[in-house]
Amino acid sequence: MAEWICGISECENRFETIEEILRHQIKDHPHNSCRVCGEKIPDGIFAIWHVIGKHGRKEYVLAYGATSSDVRYREYVKKLVESEIDIDSTYELLMSERDGEIEESLQDS
């Protein structure tokens, strides 16, 4: 089993499963606006999945000033994640989980 390491900023938290790192990235790191379409997305693996999967290489390079090695690395991460989980359904599940926690905390206030 691969160990997953958060690569956002200098976080470097380690996780045993892909679901654990994705949950961490959604809950513990800010969400950013995609530089291609403006959609608000979680940073990290979901940001890679979004920009490479929805927009492609050319748009990623133009919007982010990425190099060919940046693109290859992100495509590798995307492929690795997709080999372990259905990223679309995992995204929906984790985002709804997060939204439920936010609503719960607002009701407790």
N, C-alpha and C. Protein backbone atom coordinates (compact mmCIF):
# COMPACT_ATOMS: atom_id res chain seq x y z
N MET A 1 0.83 -1.17 0.00
CA MET A 1 0.00 0.00 0.00
C MET A 1 0.89 1.25 0.00
N ALA A 2 0.53 2.19 -0.85
CA ALA A 2 1.30 3.43 -0.95
C ALA A 2 0.97 4.37 0.20
N GLU A 3 1.96 5.11 0.62
CA GLU A 3 1.72 6.15 1.61
C GLU A 3 1.46 7.43 0.83
N TRP A 4 0.44 8.16 1.25
CA TRP A 4 0.08 9.40 0.59
C TRP A 4 0.57 10.57 1.42
N ILE A 5 1.26 11.51 0.77
CA ILE A 5 1.82 12.67 1.47
C ILE A 5 1.19 13.93 0.87
N CYS A 6 0.64 14.77 1.73
CA CYS A 6 0.03 16.01 1.27
C CYS A 6 1.13 16.94 0.74
N GLY A 7 0.95 17.39 -0.48
CA GLY A 7 1.95 18.26 -1.10
C GLY A 7 1.55 19.72 -1.14
N ILE A 8 0.53 20.09 -0.39
CA ILE A 8 0.09 21.48 -0.38
C ILE A 8 1.00 22.29 0.53
N SER A 9 1.56 23.35 -0.03
CA SER A 9 2.51 24.21 0.69
C SER A 9 3.57 23.33 1.35
N GLU A 10 3.76 23.45 2.63
CA GLU A 10 4.75 22.63 3.33
C GLU A 10 4.07 21.69 4.31
N CYS A 11 2.87 21.28 4.02
CA CYS A 11 2.06 20.45 4.92
C CYS A 11 2.75 19.11 5.22
N GLU A 12 2.95 18.31 4.23
CA GLU A 12 3.62 17.01 4.31
C GLU A 12 3.01 16.03 5.32
N ASN A 13 1.72 16.21 5.71
CA ASN A 13 1.05 15.19 6.53
C ASN A 13 0.97 13.91 5.72
N ARG A 14 1.04 12.77 6.42
CA ARG A 14 1.06 11.46 5.76
C ARG A 14 -0.23 10.70 6.08
N PHE A 15 -0.70 9.94 5.07
CA PHE A 15 -1.96 9.22 5.19
C PHE A 15 -1.82 7.83 4.60
N GLU A 16 -2.56 6.89 5.17
CA GLU A 16 -2.50 5.51 4.69
C GLU A 16 -3.37 5.28 3.47
N THR A 17 -4.47 6.04 3.33
CA THR A 17 -5.37 5.82 2.20
C THR A 17 -5.58 7.11 1.41
N ILE A 18 -5.99 6.94 0.18
CA ILE A 18 -6.28 8.10 -0.67
C ILE A 18 -7.47 8.88 -0.10
N GLU A 19 -8.46 8.17 0.46
CA GLU A 19 -9.62 8.84 1.02
C GLU A 19 -9.22 9.75 2.19
N GLU A 20 -8.26 9.31 3.01
CA GLU A 20 -7.81 10.11 4.14
C GLU A 20 -7.13 11.40 3.68
N ILE A 21 -6.29 11.31 2.66
CA ILE A 21 -5.61 12.53 2.20
C ILE A 21 -6.60 13.47 1.53
N LEU A 22 -7.55 12.93 0.79
CA LEU A 22 -8.54 13.78 0.13
C LEU A 22 -9.42 14.49 1.16
N ARG A 23 -9.85 13.77 2.19
CA ARG A 23 -10.64 14.37 3.26
C ARG A 23 -9.83 15.49 3.93
N HIS A 24 -8.56 15.23 4.20
CA HIS A 24 -7.67 16.24 4.79
C HIS A 24 -7.58 17.48 3.90
N GLN A 25 -7.36 17.27 2.61
CA GLN A 25 -7.18 18.41 1.71
C GLN A 25 -8.46 19.25 1.59
N ILE A 26 -9.62 18.59 1.66
CA ILE A 26 -10.88 19.32 1.59
C ILE A 26 -11.13 20.10 2.87
N LYS A 27 -10.85 19.49 4.01
CA LYS A 27 -11.21 20.10 5.29
C LYS A 27 -10.15 21.03 5.86
N ASP A 28 -8.88 20.73 5.62
CA ASP A 28 -7.81 21.45 6.32
C ASP A 28 -7.03 22.46 5.48
N HIS A 29 -7.35 22.55 4.21
CA HIS A 29 -6.66 23.51 3.34
C HIS A 29 -7.70 24.38 2.64
N PRO A 30 -7.34 25.61 2.33
CA PRO A 30 -8.31 26.49 1.66
C PRO A 30 -8.65 26.00 0.25
N HIS A 31 -9.83 26.35 -0.18
CA HIS A 31 -10.23 26.08 -1.55
C HIS A 31 -9.84 27.29 -2.38
N ASN A 32 -9.46 27.05 -3.62
CA ASN A 32 -9.00 28.12 -4.50
C ASN A 32 -9.87 28.19 -5.74
N SER A 33 -9.80 29.31 -6.42
CA SER A 33 -10.51 29.46 -7.69
C SER A 33 -9.62 28.96 -8.82
N CYS A 34 -10.20 28.15 -9.69
CA CYS A 34 -9.48 27.66 -10.87
C CYS A 34 -9.12 28.87 -11.74
N ARG A 35 -7.90 28.95 -12.18
CA ARG A 35 -7.45 30.07 -13.01
C ARG A 35 -7.97 29.98 -14.43
N VAL A 36 -8.53 28.83 -14.80
CA VAL A 36 -9.08 28.68 -16.15
C VAL A 36 -10.55 29.09 -16.17
N CYS A 37 -11.36 28.55 -15.25
CA CYS A 37 -12.81 28.78 -15.30
C CYS A 37 -13.37 29.55 -14.10
N GLY A 38 -12.57 29.72 -13.04
CA GLY A 38 -13.02 30.44 -11.86
C GLY A 38 -13.77 29.61 -10.84
N GLU A 39 -14.03 28.33 -11.12
CA GLU A 39 -14.74 27.47 -10.17
C GLU A 39 -13.93 27.32 -8.89
N LYS A 40 -14.60 27.38 -7.74
CA LYS A 40 -13.95 27.20 -6.44
C LYS A 40 -13.75 25.71 -6.22
N ILE A 41 -12.50 25.28 -6.03
CA ILE A 41 -12.18 23.86 -5.87
C ILE A 41 -11.18 23.67 -4.73
N PRO A 42 -11.22 22.49 -4.09
CA PRO A 42 -10.23 22.20 -3.06
C PRO A 42 -8.83 22.14 -3.67
N ASP A 43 -7.85 22.60 -2.93
CA ASP A 43 -6.47 22.54 -3.38
C ASP A 43 -5.99 21.09 -3.32
N GLY A 44 -4.89 20.80 -3.98
CA GLY A 44 -4.30 19.46 -3.92
C GLY A 44 -4.76 18.56 -5.05
N ILE A 45 -5.05 17.32 -4.70
CA ILE A 45 -5.38 16.30 -5.69
C ILE A 45 -6.62 16.68 -6.49
N PHE A 46 -7.64 17.22 -5.81
CA PHE A 46 -8.85 17.61 -6.55
C PHE A 46 -8.58 18.76 -7.51
N ALA A 47 -7.67 19.66 -7.17
CA ALA A 47 -7.31 20.74 -8.09
C ALA A 47 -6.63 20.17 -9.34
N ILE A 48 -5.76 19.19 -9.14
CA ILE A 48 -5.11 18.53 -10.27
C ILE A 48 -6.16 17.84 -11.13
N TRP A 49 -7.05 17.08 -10.49
CA TRP A 49 -8.11 16.37 -11.20
C TRP A 49 -8.96 17.35 -12.00
N HIS A 50 -9.28 18.47 -11.41
CA HIS A 50 -10.12 19.47 -12.07
C HIS A 50 -9.43 20.07 -13.30
N VAL A 51 -8.27 20.65 -13.09
CA VAL A 51 -7.64 21.41 -14.18
C VAL A 51 -7.15 20.50 -15.31
N ILE A 52 -6.55 19.35 -14.98
CA ILE A 52 -6.07 18.44 -16.02
C ILE A 52 -7.24 17.71 -16.67
N GLY A 53 -8.20 17.28 -15.85
CA GLY A 53 -9.32 16.51 -16.36
C GLY A 53 -10.36 17.32 -17.11
N LYS A 54 -10.66 18.51 -16.63
CA LYS A 54 -11.71 19.32 -17.24
C LYS A 54 -11.19 20.29 -18.29
N HIS A 55 -9.96 20.72 -18.13
CA HIS A 55 -9.45 21.73 -19.04
C HIS A 55 -8.35 21.22 -19.96
N GLY A 56 -7.54 20.31 -19.51
CA GLY A 56 -6.48 19.76 -20.35
C GLY A 56 -5.15 20.48 -20.20
N ARG A 57 -4.18 19.92 -20.91
CA ARG A 57 -2.79 20.39 -20.81
C ARG A 57 -2.62 21.85 -21.22
N LYS A 58 -3.13 22.20 -22.38
CA LYS A 58 -2.89 23.55 -22.92
C LYS A 58 -3.42 24.63 -21.98
N GLU A 59 -4.64 24.46 -21.50
CA GLU A 59 -5.23 25.44 -20.60
C GLU A 59 -4.45 25.51 -19.29
N TYR A 60 -4.01 24.36 -18.80
CA TYR A 60 -3.24 24.32 -17.56
C TYR A 60 -1.93 25.10 -17.73
N VAL A 61 -1.24 24.84 -18.81
CA VAL A 61 0.04 25.51 -19.08
C VAL A 61 -0.15 27.02 -19.18
N LEU A 62 -1.16 27.44 -19.93
CA LEU A 62 -1.39 28.87 -20.13
C LEU A 62 -1.82 29.58 -18.84
N ALA A 63 -2.72 28.95 -18.08
CA ALA A 63 -3.25 29.61 -16.88
C ALA A 63 -2.28 29.61 -15.71
N TYR A 64 -1.46 28.57 -15.62
CA TYR A 64 -0.61 28.42 -14.44
C TYR A 64 0.88 28.58 -14.73
N GLY A 65 1.23 28.81 -15.99
CA GLY A 65 2.64 28.93 -16.32
C GLY A 65 3.41 27.65 -16.09
N ALA A 66 2.73 26.52 -16.29
CA ALA A 66 3.32 25.22 -16.00
C ALA A 66 4.31 24.79 -17.08
N THR A 67 5.26 23.97 -16.67
CA THR A 67 6.22 23.38 -17.61
C THR A 67 5.73 22.00 -18.01
N SER A 68 6.39 21.40 -18.98
CA SER A 68 5.99 20.05 -19.40
C SER A 68 6.19 19.04 -18.27
N SER A 69 7.20 19.24 -17.43
CA SER A 69 7.39 18.31 -16.31
C SER A 69 6.29 18.52 -15.25
N ASP A 70 5.81 19.77 -15.06
CA ASP A 70 4.68 20.01 -14.16
C ASP A 70 3.45 19.24 -14.64
N VAL A 71 3.20 19.31 -15.94
CA VAL A 71 2.05 18.62 -16.52
C VAL A 71 2.18 17.11 -16.36
N ARG A 72 3.35 16.57 -16.70
CA ARG A 72 3.55 15.12 -16.58
C ARG A 72 3.38 14.64 -15.14
N TYR A 73 3.89 15.39 -14.18
CA TYR A 73 3.76 15.01 -12.78
C TYR A 73 2.28 15.00 -12.37
N ARG A 74 1.55 16.02 -12.73
CA ARG A 74 0.14 16.10 -12.35
C ARG A 74 -0.69 15.04 -13.07
N GLU A 75 -0.35 14.74 -14.30
CA GLU A 75 -1.04 13.65 -15.00
C GLU A 75 -0.74 12.31 -14.32
N TYR A 76 0.47 12.13 -13.84
CA TYR A 76 0.84 10.91 -13.12
C TYR A 76 0.03 10.80 -11.82
N VAL A 77 -0.07 11.89 -11.06
CA VAL A 77 -0.83 11.88 -9.81
C VAL A 77 -2.29 11.57 -10.11
N LYS A 78 -2.86 12.21 -11.11
CA LYS A 78 -4.25 11.98 -11.49
C LYS A 78 -4.49 10.52 -11.84
N LYS A 79 -3.61 9.95 -12.64
CA LYS A 79 -3.74 8.54 -13.04
C LYS A 79 -3.60 7.61 -11.84
N LEU A 80 -2.67 7.90 -10.95
CA LEU A 80 -2.48 7.08 -9.75
C LEU A 80 -3.73 7.09 -8.88
N VAL A 81 -4.29 8.27 -8.66
CA VAL A 81 -5.50 8.39 -7.86
C VAL A 81 -6.66 7.64 -8.52
N GLU A 82 -6.82 7.84 -9.82
CA GLU A 82 -7.92 7.19 -10.54
C GLU A 82 -7.77 5.67 -10.59
N SER A 83 -6.56 5.16 -10.40
CA SER A 83 -6.38 3.71 -10.37
C SER A 83 -6.85 3.12 -9.04
N GLU A 84 -7.03 3.97 -8.02
CA GLU A 84 -7.44 3.50 -6.70
C GLU A 84 -8.90 3.80 -6.36
N ILE A 85 -9.44 4.89 -6.89
CA ILE A 85 -10.81 5.28 -6.53
C ILE A 85 -11.53 5.87 -7.74
N ASP A 86 -12.85 5.96 -7.62
CA ASP A 86 -13.66 6.73 -8.57
C ASP A 86 -13.65 8.16 -8.03
N ILE A 87 -12.87 9.00 -8.64
CA ILE A 87 -12.64 10.33 -8.08
C ILE A 87 -13.90 11.20 -8.13
N ASP A 88 -14.74 11.04 -9.14
CA ASP A 88 -15.98 11.83 -9.21
C ASP A 88 -16.88 11.55 -8.01
N SER A 89 -17.15 10.28 -7.74
CA SER A 89 -18.05 9.95 -6.64
C SER A 89 -17.41 10.24 -5.29
N THR A 90 -16.09 10.08 -5.18
CA THR A 90 -15.40 10.40 -3.93
C THR A 90 -15.47 11.90 -3.66
N TYR A 91 -15.31 12.71 -4.70
CA TYR A 91 -15.42 14.16 -4.56
C TYR A 91 -16.81 14.53 -4.04
N GLU A 92 -17.84 14.00 -4.67
CA GLU A 92 -19.21 14.30 -4.25
C GLU A 92 -19.45 13.89 -2.80
N LEU A 93 -19.01 12.70 -2.44
CA LEU A 93 -19.19 12.19 -1.08
C LEU A 93 -18.48 13.08 -0.05
N LEU A 94 -17.21 13.39 -0.30
CA LEU A 94 -16.44 14.18 0.67
C LEU A 94 -16.94 15.62 0.76
N MET A 95 -17.36 16.20 -0.36
CA MET A 95 -17.88 17.56 -0.32
C MET A 95 -19.21 17.61 0.42
N SER A 96 -20.07 16.60 0.24
CA SER A 96 -21.34 16.59 0.96
C SER A 96 -21.09 16.35 2.46
N GLU A 97 -20.11 15.53 2.77
CA GLU A 97 -19.72 15.30 4.17
C GLU A 97 -19.27 16.61 4.80
N ARG A 98 -18.44 17.34 4.08
CA ARG A 98 -17.93 18.63 4.56
C ARG A 98 -19.08 19.63 4.72
N ASP A 99 -19.96 19.70 3.74
CA ASP A 99 -21.09 20.63 3.82
C ASP A 99 -21.99 20.30 5.01
N GLY A 100 -22.18 19.01 5.27
CA GLY A 100 -22.98 18.59 6.43
C GLY A 100 -22.35 19.02 7.73
N GLU A 101 -21.03 18.93 7.82
CA GLU A 101 -20.33 19.35 9.04
C GLU A 101 -20.43 20.86 9.24
N ILE A 102 -20.38 21.60 8.14
CA ILE A 102 -20.50 23.06 8.24
C ILE A 102 -21.90 23.44 8.73
N GLU A 103 -22.92 22.82 8.15
CA GLU A 103 -24.30 23.10 8.57
C GLU A 103 -24.49 22.74 10.04
N GLU A 104 -23.94 21.61 10.47
CA GLU A 104 -24.05 21.17 11.85
C GLU A 104 -23.40 22.18 12.79
N SER A 105 -22.22 22.68 12.44
CA SER A 105 -21.53 23.63 13.31
C SER A 105 -22.29 24.97 13.36
N LEU A 106 -22.96 25.35 12.28
CA LEU A 106 -23.75 26.57 12.29
C LEU A 106 -24.97 26.43 13.19
N GLN A 107 -25.55 25.25 13.22
CA GLN A 107 -26.72 25.01 14.07
C GLN A 107 -26.32 24.99 15.54
N ASP A 108 -25.09 24.54 15.82
CA ASP A 108 -24.61 24.48 17.21
C ASP A 108 -24.27 25.87 17.76
N SER A 109 -24.05 26.82 16.87
CA SER A 109 -23.64 28.17 17.29
C SER A 109 -24.76 28.97 17.87
